[in-house]
Amino acid sequence: MKIEYPVKIIQDEEENYVVQFLDLDEAFSEGATLEEALFNANEVLDLCLEQRIADKKDIPIPSKRKGKDIYMVSTIRTGLKQTK
């Protein structure tokens, strides 16, 4: 099952793309291009969720936020599954 979380992506002063996860405070990323930022965000999402599982912390249900500069990032590893 694909799990998607919303992120906000903006360009900083140096024209890098900065990724802020809206539902996972500890998760953030960046990239020199939008494509790189999204790829890096996918990896960060997997690592963040894996760490939460290892630490026996809750995994928040992804919100369905929409708006300017909001993108949906999904898990890329097949070992992560959403449970109810």
N, C-alpha and C. Protein backbone atom coordinates (compact mmCIF):
# COMPACT_ATOMS: atom_id res chain seq x y z
N MET A 1 0.84 -1.18 0.00
CA MET A 1 0.00 0.00 0.00
C MET A 1 0.88 1.24 0.00
N LYS A 2 0.58 2.16 -0.87
CA LYS A 2 1.33 3.41 -0.93
C LYS A 2 0.80 4.37 0.12
N ILE A 3 1.71 4.96 0.89
CA ILE A 3 1.35 5.93 1.92
C ILE A 3 1.89 7.28 1.47
N GLU A 4 1.03 8.30 1.41
CA GLU A 4 1.45 9.63 0.98
C GLU A 4 1.27 10.65 2.09
N TYR A 5 2.29 11.49 2.26
CA TYR A 5 2.25 12.57 3.22
C TYR A 5 2.44 13.90 2.49
N PRO A 6 1.76 14.95 2.96
CA PRO A 6 1.93 16.26 2.33
C PRO A 6 3.21 16.94 2.80
N VAL A 7 3.85 17.62 1.85
CA VAL A 7 5.03 18.42 2.16
C VAL A 7 4.86 19.80 1.53
N LYS A 8 5.49 20.77 2.12
CA LYS A 8 5.54 22.10 1.53
C LYS A 8 6.95 22.30 1.02
N ILE A 9 7.07 22.72 -0.22
CA ILE A 9 8.39 22.93 -0.82
C ILE A 9 8.50 24.39 -1.26
N ILE A 10 9.53 25.04 -0.75
CA ILE A 10 9.79 26.43 -1.14
C ILE A 10 11.25 26.56 -1.55
N GLN A 11 11.56 27.60 -2.29
CA GLN A 11 12.95 27.89 -2.64
C GLN A 11 13.50 28.88 -1.62
N ASP A 12 14.73 28.60 -1.16
CA ASP A 12 15.38 29.51 -0.23
C ASP A 12 16.14 30.60 -0.99
N GLU A 13 16.87 31.42 -0.25
CA GLU A 13 17.60 32.54 -0.85
C GLU A 13 18.64 32.08 -1.87
N GLU A 14 19.16 30.89 -1.67
CA GLU A 14 20.20 30.35 -2.56
C GLU A 14 19.60 29.51 -3.68
N GLU A 15 18.28 29.56 -3.82
CA GLU A 15 17.53 28.86 -4.86
C GLU A 15 17.54 27.34 -4.73
N ASN A 16 17.84 26.84 -3.51
CA ASN A 16 17.66 25.41 -3.22
C ASN A 16 16.21 25.20 -2.84
N TYR A 17 15.73 23.98 -3.02
CA TYR A 17 14.36 23.64 -2.66
C TYR A 17 14.35 23.00 -1.28
N VAL A 18 13.59 23.59 -0.37
CA VAL A 18 13.52 23.14 1.02
C VAL A 18 12.18 22.45 1.24
N VAL A 19 12.23 21.24 1.81
CA VAL A 19 11.04 20.42 2.01
C VAL A 19 10.70 20.37 3.48
N GLN A 20 9.46 20.72 3.82
CA GLN A 20 8.95 20.63 5.19
C GLN A 20 7.79 19.65 5.20
N PHE A 21 7.91 18.59 5.98
CA PHE A 21 6.81 17.63 6.13
C PHE A 21 5.78 18.24 7.08
N LEU A 22 4.53 18.27 6.66
CA LEU A 22 3.50 18.94 7.44
C LEU A 22 2.95 18.10 8.58
N ASP A 23 3.10 16.78 8.50
CA ASP A 23 2.59 15.90 9.55
C ASP A 23 3.68 15.26 10.40
N LEU A 24 4.92 15.45 10.04
CA LEU A 24 6.06 14.83 10.73
C LEU A 24 7.08 15.92 11.05
N ASP A 25 7.01 16.46 12.25
CA ASP A 25 7.84 17.60 12.62
C ASP A 25 9.34 17.35 12.48
N GLU A 26 9.77 16.12 12.70
CA GLU A 26 11.20 15.83 12.68
C GLU A 26 11.74 15.61 11.26
N ALA A 27 10.87 15.58 10.27
CA ALA A 27 11.29 15.25 8.91
C ALA A 27 11.39 16.50 8.04
N PHE A 28 12.53 16.65 7.41
CA PHE A 28 12.74 17.75 6.47
C PHE A 28 13.81 17.32 5.48
N SER A 29 13.90 18.03 4.37
CA SER A 29 14.87 17.68 3.35
C SER A 29 15.10 18.89 2.46
N GLU A 30 15.95 18.70 1.45
CA GLU A 30 16.20 19.77 0.49
C GLU A 30 16.80 19.16 -0.78
N GLY A 31 16.95 19.97 -1.79
CA GLY A 31 17.57 19.54 -3.02
C GLY A 31 17.89 20.74 -3.89
N ALA A 32 18.82 20.55 -4.81
CA ALA A 32 19.21 21.63 -5.72
C ALA A 32 18.13 21.88 -6.77
N THR A 33 17.35 20.85 -7.08
CA THR A 33 16.24 20.97 -8.03
C THR A 33 14.98 20.45 -7.35
N LEU A 34 13.83 20.76 -7.94
CA LEU A 34 12.59 20.24 -7.40
C LEU A 34 12.57 18.72 -7.44
N GLU A 35 13.05 18.14 -8.53
CA GLU A 35 13.08 16.68 -8.65
C GLU A 35 13.96 16.05 -7.58
N GLU A 36 15.13 16.63 -7.34
CA GLU A 36 16.04 16.12 -6.30
C GLU A 36 15.41 16.26 -4.92
N ALA A 37 14.75 17.38 -4.67
CA ALA A 37 14.10 17.60 -3.38
C ALA A 37 13.01 16.56 -3.13
N LEU A 38 12.22 16.26 -4.17
CA LEU A 38 11.17 15.25 -4.03
C LEU A 38 11.75 13.85 -3.83
N PHE A 39 12.81 13.52 -4.55
CA PHE A 39 13.46 12.22 -4.37
C PHE A 39 14.00 12.10 -2.95
N ASN A 40 14.70 13.14 -2.48
CA ASN A 40 15.24 13.12 -1.12
C ASN A 40 14.12 13.02 -0.09
N ALA A 41 13.01 13.69 -0.35
CA ALA A 41 11.88 13.64 0.58
C ALA A 41 11.32 12.23 0.69
N ASN A 42 11.27 11.49 -0.42
CA ASN A 42 10.82 10.10 -0.38
C ASN A 42 11.71 9.27 0.55
N GLU A 43 13.01 9.45 0.44
CA GLU A 43 13.95 8.71 1.30
C GLU A 43 13.79 9.10 2.76
N VAL A 44 13.65 10.40 3.01
CA VAL A 44 13.48 10.88 4.38
C VAL A 44 12.20 10.32 4.99
N LEU A 45 11.14 10.28 4.20
CA LEU A 45 9.87 9.74 4.71
C LEU A 45 10.05 8.30 5.14
N ASP A 46 10.68 7.48 4.32
CA ASP A 46 10.91 6.09 4.70
C ASP A 46 11.73 5.99 5.98
N LEU A 47 12.81 6.74 6.06
CA LEU A 47 13.67 6.68 7.24
C LEU A 47 12.94 7.15 8.49
N CYS A 48 12.15 8.19 8.35
CA CYS A 48 11.39 8.72 9.50
C CYS A 48 10.38 7.69 10.00
N LEU A 49 9.65 7.09 9.08
CA LEU A 49 8.65 6.09 9.48
C LEU A 49 9.31 4.85 10.07
N GLU A 50 10.42 4.42 9.49
CA GLU A 50 11.15 3.27 10.04
C GLU A 50 11.63 3.56 11.46
N GLN A 51 12.12 4.76 11.70
CA GLN A 51 12.60 5.12 13.04
C GLN A 51 11.45 5.18 14.03
N ARG A 52 10.33 5.72 13.61
CA ARG A 52 9.16 5.76 14.50
C ARG A 52 8.71 4.34 14.87
N ILE A 53 8.76 3.42 13.90
CA ILE A 53 8.40 2.04 14.19
C ILE A 53 9.39 1.44 15.19
N ALA A 54 10.69 1.66 14.96
CA ALA A 54 11.73 1.13 15.85
C ALA A 54 11.60 1.69 17.27
N ASP A 55 11.20 2.96 17.37
CA ASP A 55 11.05 3.61 18.67
C ASP A 55 9.68 3.38 19.29
N LYS A 56 8.84 2.63 18.59
CA LYS A 56 7.47 2.34 19.05
C LYS A 56 6.66 3.63 19.27
N LYS A 57 6.88 4.59 18.37
CA LYS A 57 6.14 5.85 18.40
C LYS A 57 4.97 5.76 17.42
N ASP A 58 3.96 6.56 17.70
CA ASP A 58 2.81 6.62 16.80
C ASP A 58 3.22 7.14 15.43
N ILE A 59 2.57 6.63 14.41
CA ILE A 59 2.74 7.14 13.05
C ILE A 59 1.45 7.87 12.71
N PRO A 60 1.53 9.19 12.49
CA PRO A 60 0.30 9.94 12.24
C PRO A 60 -0.34 9.55 10.91
N ILE A 61 -1.65 9.62 10.89
CA ILE A 61 -2.38 9.42 9.64
C ILE A 61 -2.10 10.64 8.77
N PRO A 62 -1.74 10.43 7.51
CA PRO A 62 -1.43 11.57 6.64
C PRO A 62 -2.64 12.48 6.45
N SER A 63 -2.40 13.77 6.54
CA SER A 63 -3.47 14.72 6.27
C SER A 63 -3.63 14.87 4.76
N LYS A 64 -4.72 15.46 4.35
CA LYS A 64 -5.02 15.64 2.93
C LYS A 64 -4.91 17.12 2.56
N ARG A 65 -3.87 17.77 3.03
CA ARG A 65 -3.71 19.20 2.77
C ARG A 65 -3.45 19.47 1.30
N LYS A 66 -3.96 20.59 0.87
CA LYS A 66 -3.75 21.04 -0.50
C LYS A 66 -3.44 22.52 -0.46
N GLY A 67 -2.86 23.01 -1.52
CA GLY A 67 -2.59 24.43 -1.60
C GLY A 67 -1.32 24.72 -2.36
N LYS A 68 -0.96 25.96 -2.35
CA LYS A 68 0.23 26.40 -3.07
C LYS A 68 1.47 25.76 -2.46
N ASP A 69 2.33 25.27 -3.30
CA ASP A 69 3.60 24.66 -2.91
C ASP A 69 3.46 23.36 -2.11
N ILE A 70 2.27 22.74 -2.11
CA ILE A 70 2.05 21.48 -1.39
C ILE A 70 2.15 20.33 -2.38
N TYR A 71 2.96 19.35 -2.04
CA TYR A 71 3.15 18.15 -2.85
C TYR A 71 2.89 16.94 -1.96
N MET A 72 2.51 15.83 -2.56
CA MET A 72 2.34 14.59 -1.82
C MET A 72 3.55 13.71 -2.07
N VAL A 73 4.18 13.24 -0.99
CA VAL A 73 5.37 12.39 -1.07
C VAL A 73 4.98 11.02 -0.55
N SER A 74 5.40 9.98 -1.27
CA SER A 74 5.02 8.62 -0.87
C SER A 74 6.24 7.81 -0.43
N THR A 75 5.94 6.76 0.31
CA THR A 75 6.99 5.83 0.70
C THR A 75 7.50 5.12 -0.55
N ILE A 76 8.78 4.75 -0.54
CA ILE A 76 9.34 4.07 -1.71
C ILE A 76 9.77 2.64 -1.39
N ARG A 77 9.90 2.31 -0.13
CA ARG A 77 10.28 0.96 0.26
C ARG A 77 9.05 0.11 0.41
N THR A 78 9.09 -1.09 -0.09
CA THR A 78 7.92 -1.95 -0.05
C THR A 78 7.65 -2.53 1.34
N GLY A 79 8.61 -2.45 2.23
CA GLY A 79 8.42 -3.03 3.56
C GLY A 79 7.56 -2.21 4.48
N LEU A 80 7.23 -0.99 4.10
CA LEU A 80 6.41 -0.14 4.94
C LEU A 80 4.95 -0.29 4.54
N LYS A 81 4.12 -0.58 5.53
CA LYS A 81 2.69 -0.75 5.25
C LYS A 81 1.91 0.02 6.30
N GLN A 82 0.82 0.62 5.85
CA GLN A 82 -0.04 1.35 6.75
C GLN A 82 -0.98 0.37 7.43
N THR A 83 -1.14 0.50 8.73
CA THR A 83 -2.08 -0.34 9.47
C THR A 83 -3.09 0.56 10.16
N LYS A 84 -4.24 -0.01 10.47
CA LYS A 84 -5.30 0.78 11.13
C LYS A 84 -5.32 0.46 12.59
